[in-house]
Amino acid sequence: MKRLLVLVALAAASCVSDPAPKPFVSPDGRQAFAVDCSQSGLSACYTRAREACGGDYEIMRTVDGSVPVTNPVTGQLVSLNDQRLYVSCKNPTS
């Protein structure tokens, strides 16, 4: 039983990091990124956006809220963080 709990804890810990920024093309043709910081907080999005763009960027949209979901084990309604930035790079490096 202890092994199972350790495995579950390790699996949960590996899911805590935010996904890599997802590239797309902005409406004006510039390199852009969707940056999800739901695990680390919105302030981390600004740093990750700068890293993804290799410098300056413009914020196209900010999402800062929560999403209600039902816990499949308990059936209780819980809130999950939903914090994202959509940015277009001013001087794209890629």
N, C-alpha and C. Protein backbone atom coordinates (compact mmCIF):
# COMPACT_ATOMS: atom_id res chain seq x y z
N MET A 1 0.82 -1.20 0.00
CA MET A 1 0.00 0.00 0.00
C MET A 1 0.86 1.26 0.00
N LYS A 2 1.98 1.23 0.77
CA LYS A 2 2.85 2.40 0.80
C LYS A 2 3.45 2.66 -0.58
N ARG A 3 3.80 1.58 -1.28
CA ARG A 3 4.36 1.76 -2.63
C ARG A 3 3.36 2.44 -3.55
N LEU A 4 2.11 2.04 -3.45
CA LEU A 4 1.08 2.64 -4.28
C LEU A 4 0.94 4.13 -3.98
N LEU A 5 0.95 4.49 -2.72
CA LEU A 5 0.85 5.90 -2.34
C LEU A 5 2.04 6.69 -2.85
N VAL A 6 3.23 6.12 -2.77
CA VAL A 6 4.43 6.79 -3.28
C VAL A 6 4.32 6.98 -4.79
N LEU A 7 3.88 5.97 -5.51
CA LEU A 7 3.73 6.09 -6.95
C LEU A 7 2.70 7.15 -7.33
N VAL A 8 1.60 7.18 -6.60
CA VAL A 8 0.57 8.19 -6.86
C VAL A 8 1.13 9.58 -6.58
N ALA A 9 1.87 9.74 -5.50
CA ALA A 9 2.46 11.05 -5.18
C ALA A 9 3.46 11.48 -6.24
N LEU A 10 4.28 10.56 -6.71
CA LEU A 10 5.25 10.89 -7.76
C LEU A 10 4.55 11.26 -9.07
N ALA A 11 3.51 10.54 -9.40
CA ALA A 11 2.77 10.84 -10.62
C ALA A 11 2.12 12.22 -10.53
N ALA A 12 1.56 12.54 -9.38
CA ALA A 12 0.93 13.85 -9.19
C ALA A 12 1.97 14.96 -9.26
N ALA A 13 3.13 14.74 -8.68
CA ALA A 13 4.19 15.76 -8.71
C ALA A 13 4.68 16.02 -10.12
N SER A 14 4.71 14.99 -10.94
CA SER A 14 5.19 15.17 -12.31
C SER A 14 4.19 15.95 -13.16
N CYS A 15 2.95 16.03 -12.73
CA CYS A 15 1.92 16.75 -13.48
C CYS A 15 1.79 18.20 -13.06
N VAL A 16 2.57 18.65 -12.10
CA VAL A 16 2.40 19.98 -11.54
C VAL A 16 2.98 21.07 -12.42
N SER A 17 3.97 20.78 -13.25
CA SER A 17 4.59 21.82 -14.05
C SER A 17 3.67 22.25 -15.19
N ASP A 18 3.85 23.51 -15.61
CA ASP A 18 3.05 24.05 -16.70
C ASP A 18 3.54 23.48 -18.03
N PRO A 19 2.65 23.34 -19.00
CA PRO A 19 3.08 22.87 -20.32
C PRO A 19 3.93 23.92 -21.04
N ALA A 20 4.67 23.49 -22.03
CA ALA A 20 5.49 24.42 -22.82
C ALA A 20 4.57 25.39 -23.57
N PRO A 21 5.04 26.63 -23.79
CA PRO A 21 4.24 27.57 -24.58
C PRO A 21 3.93 26.99 -25.96
N LYS A 22 2.70 27.19 -26.41
CA LYS A 22 2.27 26.65 -27.71
C LYS A 22 2.35 27.77 -28.76
N PRO A 23 3.16 27.55 -29.80
CA PRO A 23 3.30 28.59 -30.83
C PRO A 23 2.10 28.64 -31.77
N PHE A 24 1.82 29.82 -32.28
CA PHE A 24 0.83 30.02 -33.34
C PHE A 24 1.17 31.33 -34.04
N VAL A 25 0.47 31.64 -35.11
CA VAL A 25 0.70 32.88 -35.85
C VAL A 25 -0.40 33.87 -35.47
N SER A 26 0.01 35.09 -35.08
CA SER A 26 -0.97 36.10 -34.68
C SER A 26 -1.71 36.61 -35.91
N PRO A 27 -2.85 37.31 -35.72
CA PRO A 27 -3.61 37.81 -36.88
C PRO A 27 -2.80 38.72 -37.80
N ASP A 28 -1.79 39.41 -37.26
CA ASP A 28 -0.97 40.28 -38.10
C ASP A 28 0.26 39.57 -38.66
N GLY A 29 0.33 38.23 -38.50
CA GLY A 29 1.38 37.45 -39.11
C GLY A 29 2.63 37.23 -38.27
N ARG A 30 2.64 37.76 -37.06
CA ARG A 30 3.82 37.59 -36.21
C ARG A 30 3.78 36.26 -35.45
N GLN A 31 4.97 35.81 -35.04
CA GLN A 31 5.07 34.64 -34.17
C GLN A 31 4.36 34.96 -32.86
N ALA A 32 3.57 34.03 -32.36
CA ALA A 32 2.83 34.24 -31.12
C ALA A 32 2.85 32.95 -30.31
N PHE A 33 2.50 33.09 -29.02
CA PHE A 33 2.50 31.94 -28.12
C PHE A 33 1.31 32.01 -27.18
N ALA A 34 0.76 30.83 -26.88
CA ALA A 34 -0.21 30.66 -25.81
C ALA A 34 0.58 30.11 -24.63
N VAL A 35 0.64 30.86 -23.54
CA VAL A 35 1.45 30.49 -22.38
C VAL A 35 0.52 30.15 -21.23
N ASP A 36 0.52 28.89 -20.79
CA ASP A 36 -0.33 28.42 -19.70
C ASP A 36 0.47 28.41 -18.41
N CYS A 37 0.03 29.17 -17.43
CA CYS A 37 0.70 29.24 -16.14
C CYS A 37 -0.26 28.91 -15.01
N SER A 38 -1.19 28.02 -15.26
CA SER A 38 -2.20 27.67 -14.27
C SER A 38 -1.60 27.05 -13.02
N GLN A 39 -0.46 26.38 -13.14
CA GLN A 39 0.18 25.76 -11.98
C GLN A 39 1.10 26.72 -11.25
N SER A 40 1.79 27.59 -11.98
CA SER A 40 2.82 28.43 -11.36
C SER A 40 2.34 29.86 -11.08
N GLY A 41 1.20 30.25 -11.60
CA GLY A 41 0.69 31.59 -11.36
C GLY A 41 0.94 32.52 -12.53
N LEU A 42 0.09 33.52 -12.66
CA LEU A 42 0.13 34.42 -13.81
C LEU A 42 1.44 35.19 -13.91
N SER A 43 2.05 35.54 -12.78
CA SER A 43 3.31 36.30 -12.84
C SER A 43 4.40 35.51 -13.57
N ALA A 44 4.36 34.18 -13.48
CA ALA A 44 5.34 33.35 -14.19
C ALA A 44 5.12 33.41 -15.70
N CYS A 45 3.90 33.70 -16.14
CA CYS A 45 3.62 33.77 -17.57
C CYS A 45 4.44 34.87 -18.25
N TYR A 46 4.64 35.99 -17.57
CA TYR A 46 5.38 37.10 -18.18
C TYR A 46 6.82 36.69 -18.48
N THR A 47 7.44 35.98 -17.56
CA THR A 47 8.81 35.50 -17.77
C THR A 47 8.85 34.46 -18.88
N ARG A 48 7.92 33.54 -18.84
CA ARG A 48 7.89 32.48 -19.86
C ARG A 48 7.58 33.06 -21.24
N ALA A 49 6.75 34.09 -21.33
CA ALA A 49 6.46 34.73 -22.61
C ALA A 49 7.71 35.40 -23.17
N ARG A 50 8.46 36.09 -22.31
CA ARG A 50 9.70 36.74 -22.74
C ARG A 50 10.70 35.70 -23.24
N GLU A 51 10.80 34.58 -22.54
CA GLU A 51 11.72 33.51 -22.96
C GLU A 51 11.28 32.92 -24.29
N ALA A 52 9.98 32.67 -24.45
CA ALA A 52 9.47 32.08 -25.69
C ALA A 52 9.70 33.00 -26.88
N CYS A 53 9.51 34.30 -26.68
CA CYS A 53 9.68 35.26 -27.76
C CYS A 53 11.14 35.68 -27.95
N GLY A 54 11.98 35.37 -27.00
CA GLY A 54 13.37 35.82 -27.11
C GLY A 54 13.50 37.32 -26.90
N GLY A 55 12.58 37.90 -26.15
CA GLY A 55 12.61 39.34 -25.88
C GLY A 55 11.21 39.90 -25.69
N ASP A 56 11.00 41.08 -26.26
CA ASP A 56 9.75 41.81 -26.05
C ASP A 56 8.56 41.15 -26.75
N TYR A 57 7.39 41.40 -26.19
CA TYR A 57 6.15 40.84 -26.71
C TYR A 57 5.01 41.77 -26.38
N GLU A 58 3.89 41.59 -27.06
CA GLU A 58 2.66 42.31 -26.76
C GLU A 58 1.64 41.31 -26.27
N ILE A 59 0.91 41.68 -25.23
CA ILE A 59 -0.13 40.80 -24.71
C ILE A 59 -1.38 40.97 -25.56
N MET A 60 -1.81 39.87 -26.14
CA MET A 60 -3.03 39.88 -26.95
C MET A 60 -4.26 39.63 -26.08
N ARG A 61 -4.10 38.73 -25.11
CA ARG A 61 -5.22 38.37 -24.22
C ARG A 61 -4.67 37.79 -22.93
N THR A 62 -5.34 38.08 -21.82
CA THR A 62 -4.99 37.52 -20.52
C THR A 62 -6.21 36.79 -19.98
N VAL A 63 -5.98 35.58 -19.47
CA VAL A 63 -7.03 34.80 -18.82
C VAL A 63 -6.59 34.60 -17.38
N ASP A 64 -7.37 35.05 -16.45
CA ASP A 64 -7.03 34.92 -15.03
C ASP A 64 -8.30 34.61 -14.26
N GLY A 65 -8.53 33.33 -14.04
CA GLY A 65 -9.75 32.94 -13.36
C GLY A 65 -9.67 31.50 -12.89
N SER A 66 -10.83 30.89 -12.81
CA SER A 66 -10.89 29.49 -12.40
C SER A 66 -11.98 28.79 -13.20
N VAL A 67 -11.84 27.48 -13.25
CA VAL A 67 -12.79 26.64 -13.98
C VAL A 67 -13.38 25.63 -13.01
N PRO A 68 -14.70 25.59 -12.88
CA PRO A 68 -15.30 24.59 -11.99
C PRO A 68 -15.31 23.21 -12.65
N VAL A 69 -14.88 22.22 -11.91
CA VAL A 69 -14.90 20.83 -12.39
C VAL A 69 -15.38 19.93 -11.27
N THR A 70 -15.89 18.78 -11.65
CA THR A 70 -16.35 17.80 -10.67
C THR A 70 -15.24 16.79 -10.43
N ASN A 71 -14.89 16.58 -9.17
CA ASN A 71 -13.89 15.59 -8.80
C ASN A 71 -14.49 14.21 -9.10
N PRO A 72 -13.82 13.42 -9.97
CA PRO A 72 -14.41 12.13 -10.35
C PRO A 72 -14.44 11.11 -9.22
N VAL A 73 -13.61 11.31 -8.19
CA VAL A 73 -13.57 10.37 -7.07
C VAL A 73 -14.63 10.69 -6.04
N THR A 74 -14.72 11.97 -5.65
CA THR A 74 -15.63 12.35 -4.58
C THR A 74 -16.97 12.90 -5.06
N GLY A 75 -17.00 13.35 -6.34
CA GLY A 75 -18.22 13.94 -6.85
C GLY A 75 -18.39 15.40 -6.45
N GLN A 76 -17.44 15.95 -5.69
CA GLN A 76 -17.53 17.33 -5.25
C GLN A 76 -17.09 18.29 -6.36
N LEU A 77 -17.69 19.47 -6.36
CA LEU A 77 -17.32 20.52 -7.29
C LEU A 77 -16.10 21.25 -6.74
N VAL A 78 -15.05 21.36 -7.55
CA VAL A 78 -13.83 22.06 -7.15
C VAL A 78 -13.47 23.07 -8.23
N SER A 79 -12.63 24.03 -7.89
CA SER A 79 -12.18 25.03 -8.85
C SER A 79 -10.71 24.81 -9.19
N LEU A 80 -10.41 24.85 -10.47
CA LEU A 80 -9.03 24.76 -10.94
C LEU A 80 -8.61 26.11 -11.48
N ASN A 81 -7.36 26.50 -11.21
CA ASN A 81 -6.83 27.75 -11.74
C ASN A 81 -6.78 27.70 -13.26
N ASP A 82 -7.10 28.81 -13.88
CA ASP A 82 -6.99 28.96 -15.33
C ASP A 82 -6.30 30.29 -15.58
N GLN A 83 -4.99 30.24 -15.76
CA GLN A 83 -4.20 31.45 -15.94
C GLN A 83 -3.33 31.29 -17.17
N ARG A 84 -3.61 32.14 -18.18
CA ARG A 84 -2.91 32.05 -19.46
C ARG A 84 -2.67 33.44 -20.03
N LEU A 85 -1.62 33.52 -20.86
CA LEU A 85 -1.35 34.70 -21.67
C LEU A 85 -1.30 34.28 -23.13
N TYR A 86 -1.82 35.12 -23.98
CA TYR A 86 -1.65 34.96 -25.42
C TYR A 86 -0.85 36.17 -25.85
N VAL A 87 0.34 35.93 -26.38
CA VAL A 87 1.26 37.03 -26.70
C VAL A 87 1.74 36.92 -28.14
N SER A 88 2.03 38.09 -28.74
CA SER A 88 2.69 38.11 -30.05
C SER A 88 4.07 38.73 -29.83
N CYS A 89 5.05 38.14 -30.47
CA CYS A 89 6.44 38.57 -30.30
C CYS A 89 6.70 39.83 -31.12
N LYS A 90 7.40 40.80 -30.50
CA LYS A 90 7.72 42.03 -31.22
C LYS A 90 8.88 41.80 -32.20
N ASN A 91 9.88 41.07 -31.78
CA ASN A 91 11.04 40.77 -32.62
C ASN A 91 11.31 39.28 -32.53
N PRO A 92 10.52 38.47 -33.25
CA PRO A 92 10.67 37.03 -33.10
C PRO A 92 12.06 36.54 -33.51
N THR A 93 12.55 35.58 -32.71
CA THR A 93 13.87 35.00 -32.98
C THR A 93 13.75 33.71 -33.76
N SER A 94 12.55 33.18 -33.89
CA SER A 94 12.41 31.90 -34.61
C SER A 94 11.61 32.07 -35.87
